[in-house]
N, C-alpha and C. Protein backbone atom coordinates (compact mmCIF):
# COMPACT_ATOMS: atom_id res chain seq x y z
N UNK A 1 104.51 120.17 89.70
CA UNK A 1 105.53 119.23 89.95
C UNK A 1 106.02 119.34 91.43
N UNK A 2 106.04 120.51 91.92
CA UNK A 2 106.48 120.76 93.26
C UNK A 2 105.50 120.03 94.23
N UNK A 3 104.20 120.06 93.97
CA UNK A 3 103.30 119.35 94.88
C UNK A 3 103.46 117.93 94.90
N UNK A 4 103.69 117.33 93.68
CA UNK A 4 103.98 115.90 93.60
C UNK A 4 105.17 115.52 94.40
N UNK A 5 106.18 116.31 94.20
CA UNK A 5 107.45 115.95 95.07
C UNK A 5 107.23 116.26 96.50
N UNK A 6 106.51 117.21 96.88
CA UNK A 6 106.18 117.31 98.27
C UNK A 6 105.33 116.15 98.84
N UNK A 7 104.45 115.66 98.10
CA UNK A 7 103.77 114.51 98.50
C UNK A 7 104.58 113.34 98.74
N UNK A 8 105.50 113.11 97.79
CA UNK A 8 106.64 112.01 98.00
C UNK A 8 107.44 112.15 99.17
N UNK A 9 107.88 113.42 99.48
CA UNK A 9 108.61 113.62 100.67
C UNK A 9 107.80 113.39 101.97
N UNK A 10 106.57 113.79 101.98
CA UNK A 10 105.68 113.68 103.15
C UNK A 10 105.41 112.21 103.34
N UNK A 11 105.13 111.39 102.30
CA UNK A 11 104.93 109.94 102.42
C UNK A 11 106.15 109.24 103.05
N UNK A 12 107.39 109.74 102.50
CA UNK A 12 108.55 109.16 103.01
C UNK A 12 108.78 109.40 104.45
N UNK A 13 108.58 110.69 104.83
CA UNK A 13 108.68 111.00 106.24
C UNK A 13 107.74 110.34 107.14
N UNK A 14 106.44 110.27 106.68
CA UNK A 14 105.40 109.81 107.51
C UNK A 14 105.58 108.29 107.69
N UNK A 15 106.10 107.51 106.74
CA UNK A 15 106.33 106.08 106.91
C UNK A 15 107.78 105.66 107.08
N UNK A 16 108.71 106.62 107.31
CA UNK A 16 110.04 106.41 107.72
C UNK A 16 110.63 105.70 106.56
N UNK A 17 110.47 106.04 105.40
CA UNK A 17 111.06 105.25 104.15
C UNK A 17 112.61 105.65 104.12
N UNK A 18 113.45 104.61 104.01
CA UNK A 18 114.86 104.75 103.87
C UNK A 18 115.36 104.54 102.46
N UNK A 19 116.60 104.73 102.20
CA UNK A 19 117.06 104.45 100.86
C UNK A 19 117.12 102.96 100.57
N UNK A 20 117.24 102.12 101.55
CA UNK A 20 117.09 100.66 101.38
C UNK A 20 115.69 100.28 100.95
N UNK A 21 114.76 100.94 101.55
CA UNK A 21 113.39 100.67 101.23
C UNK A 21 113.17 101.00 99.74
N UNK A 22 113.83 102.04 99.21
CA UNK A 22 113.55 102.53 97.85
C UNK A 22 113.97 101.59 96.77
N UNK A 23 114.83 100.55 97.17
CA UNK A 23 115.32 99.60 96.21
C UNK A 23 114.77 98.21 96.46
N UNK A 24 113.93 98.13 97.42
CA UNK A 24 113.31 96.76 97.76
C UNK A 24 112.41 96.32 96.58
N UNK A 25 112.46 94.97 96.49
CA UNK A 25 111.55 94.37 95.50
C UNK A 25 110.44 93.45 96.08
N UNK A 26 110.50 93.25 97.49
CA UNK A 26 109.62 92.44 98.10
C UNK A 26 108.47 93.26 98.77
N UNK A 27 107.70 93.83 98.05
CA UNK A 27 106.68 94.76 98.60
C UNK A 27 105.43 94.05 98.78
N UNK A 28 104.87 94.13 100.05
CA UNK A 28 103.58 93.51 100.41
C UNK A 28 102.55 94.51 100.33
N UNK A 29 101.59 94.38 99.38
CA UNK A 29 100.49 95.35 99.22
C UNK A 29 99.49 95.34 100.38
N UNK A 30 99.72 94.57 101.38
CA UNK A 30 98.83 94.60 102.56
C UNK A 30 99.40 95.48 103.73
N UNK A 31 100.62 95.90 103.58
CA UNK A 31 101.25 96.72 104.66
C UNK A 31 101.18 98.21 104.20
N UNK A 32 100.78 99.06 105.14
CA UNK A 32 100.55 100.45 104.87
C UNK A 32 101.89 101.09 104.39
N UNK A 33 102.94 100.75 105.07
CA UNK A 33 104.28 101.29 104.71
C UNK A 33 104.66 100.96 103.25
N UNK A 34 104.34 99.75 102.86
CA UNK A 34 104.65 99.28 101.49
C UNK A 34 103.70 99.96 100.47
N UNK A 35 102.42 100.18 100.84
CA UNK A 35 101.47 100.93 99.94
C UNK A 35 102.12 102.43 99.76
N UNK A 36 102.57 102.94 100.82
CA UNK A 36 103.20 104.33 100.66
C UNK A 36 104.41 104.24 99.78
N UNK A 37 105.16 103.18 99.82
CA UNK A 37 106.34 102.99 98.88
C UNK A 37 105.95 102.92 97.44
N UNK A 38 104.84 102.14 97.25
CA UNK A 38 104.35 102.10 95.84
C UNK A 38 103.91 103.38 95.33
N UNK A 39 103.24 104.22 96.27
CA UNK A 39 102.78 105.55 95.91
C UNK A 39 103.93 106.43 95.58
N UNK A 40 105.01 106.36 96.42
CA UNK A 40 106.22 107.20 96.18
C UNK A 40 106.83 106.85 94.86
N UNK A 41 106.90 105.68 94.46
CA UNK A 41 107.42 105.26 93.14
C UNK A 41 106.49 105.66 92.13
N UNK A 42 105.27 105.46 92.21
CA UNK A 42 104.26 106.00 91.23
C UNK A 42 104.41 107.51 90.96
N UNK A 43 104.52 108.18 92.10
CA UNK A 43 104.56 109.69 91.93
C UNK A 43 105.93 110.06 91.31
N UNK A 44 107.04 109.34 91.59
CA UNK A 44 108.20 109.55 91.01
C UNK A 44 108.20 109.33 89.50
N UNK A 45 107.49 108.27 89.14
CA UNK A 45 107.32 107.92 87.65
C UNK A 45 106.61 109.10 87.06
N UNK A 46 105.52 109.59 87.62
CA UNK A 46 104.80 110.75 87.06
C UNK A 46 105.56 111.97 86.88
N UNK A 47 106.45 112.26 87.87
CA UNK A 47 107.39 113.40 87.67
C UNK A 47 108.30 113.23 86.47
N UNK A 48 108.85 111.94 86.33
CA UNK A 48 109.75 111.72 85.23
C UNK A 48 109.00 111.83 83.98
N UNK A 49 107.79 111.53 83.85
CA UNK A 49 106.95 111.63 82.60
C UNK A 49 106.75 113.18 82.40
N UNK A 50 106.41 113.90 83.38
CA UNK A 50 106.18 115.33 83.19
C UNK A 50 107.42 116.03 82.75
N UNK A 51 108.56 115.68 83.32
CA UNK A 51 109.81 116.27 82.97
C UNK A 51 110.31 115.97 81.40
N UNK A 52 110.10 114.67 81.17
CA UNK A 52 110.31 114.25 79.70
C UNK A 52 109.41 114.98 78.70
N UNK A 53 108.18 115.13 79.10
CA UNK A 53 107.23 115.82 78.06
C UNK A 53 107.55 117.28 77.94
N UNK A 54 108.15 117.85 78.98
CA UNK A 54 108.51 119.24 78.97
C UNK A 54 109.83 119.54 78.30
N UNK A 55 110.57 118.48 78.14
CA UNK A 55 111.88 118.54 77.44
C UNK A 55 111.82 118.50 75.95
N UNK A 56 110.60 118.19 75.56
CA UNK A 56 110.42 118.21 73.99
C UNK A 56 110.40 119.57 73.47
N UNK A 57 111.21 119.93 72.54
CA UNK A 57 111.12 121.26 71.95
C UNK A 57 110.22 121.22 70.77
N UNK A 58 109.63 122.27 70.48
CA UNK A 58 108.75 122.49 69.40
C UNK A 58 109.64 123.35 68.31
N UNK A 59 109.72 122.85 67.18
CA UNK A 59 110.55 123.60 66.13
C UNK A 59 109.75 124.95 65.85
N UNK A 60 110.59 125.98 65.76
CA UNK A 60 109.92 127.26 65.36
C UNK A 60 109.83 127.38 63.85
N UNK A 61 108.68 127.79 63.31
CA UNK A 61 108.45 127.79 61.88
C UNK A 61 108.85 129.22 61.37
């Protein structure tokens, strides 16, 4: 999970992603910076899935 978060941070720094970029809905898949934004969102979703799957408790028998 740490590596995924680091990848998100690196992409954000490399493409100068701002908070305003993170809420944009007009993403152009032909622009490198927008592709990075899509990757950041995808990795964020993956982190969320991993956290949620780790939150499930297994009942002790």
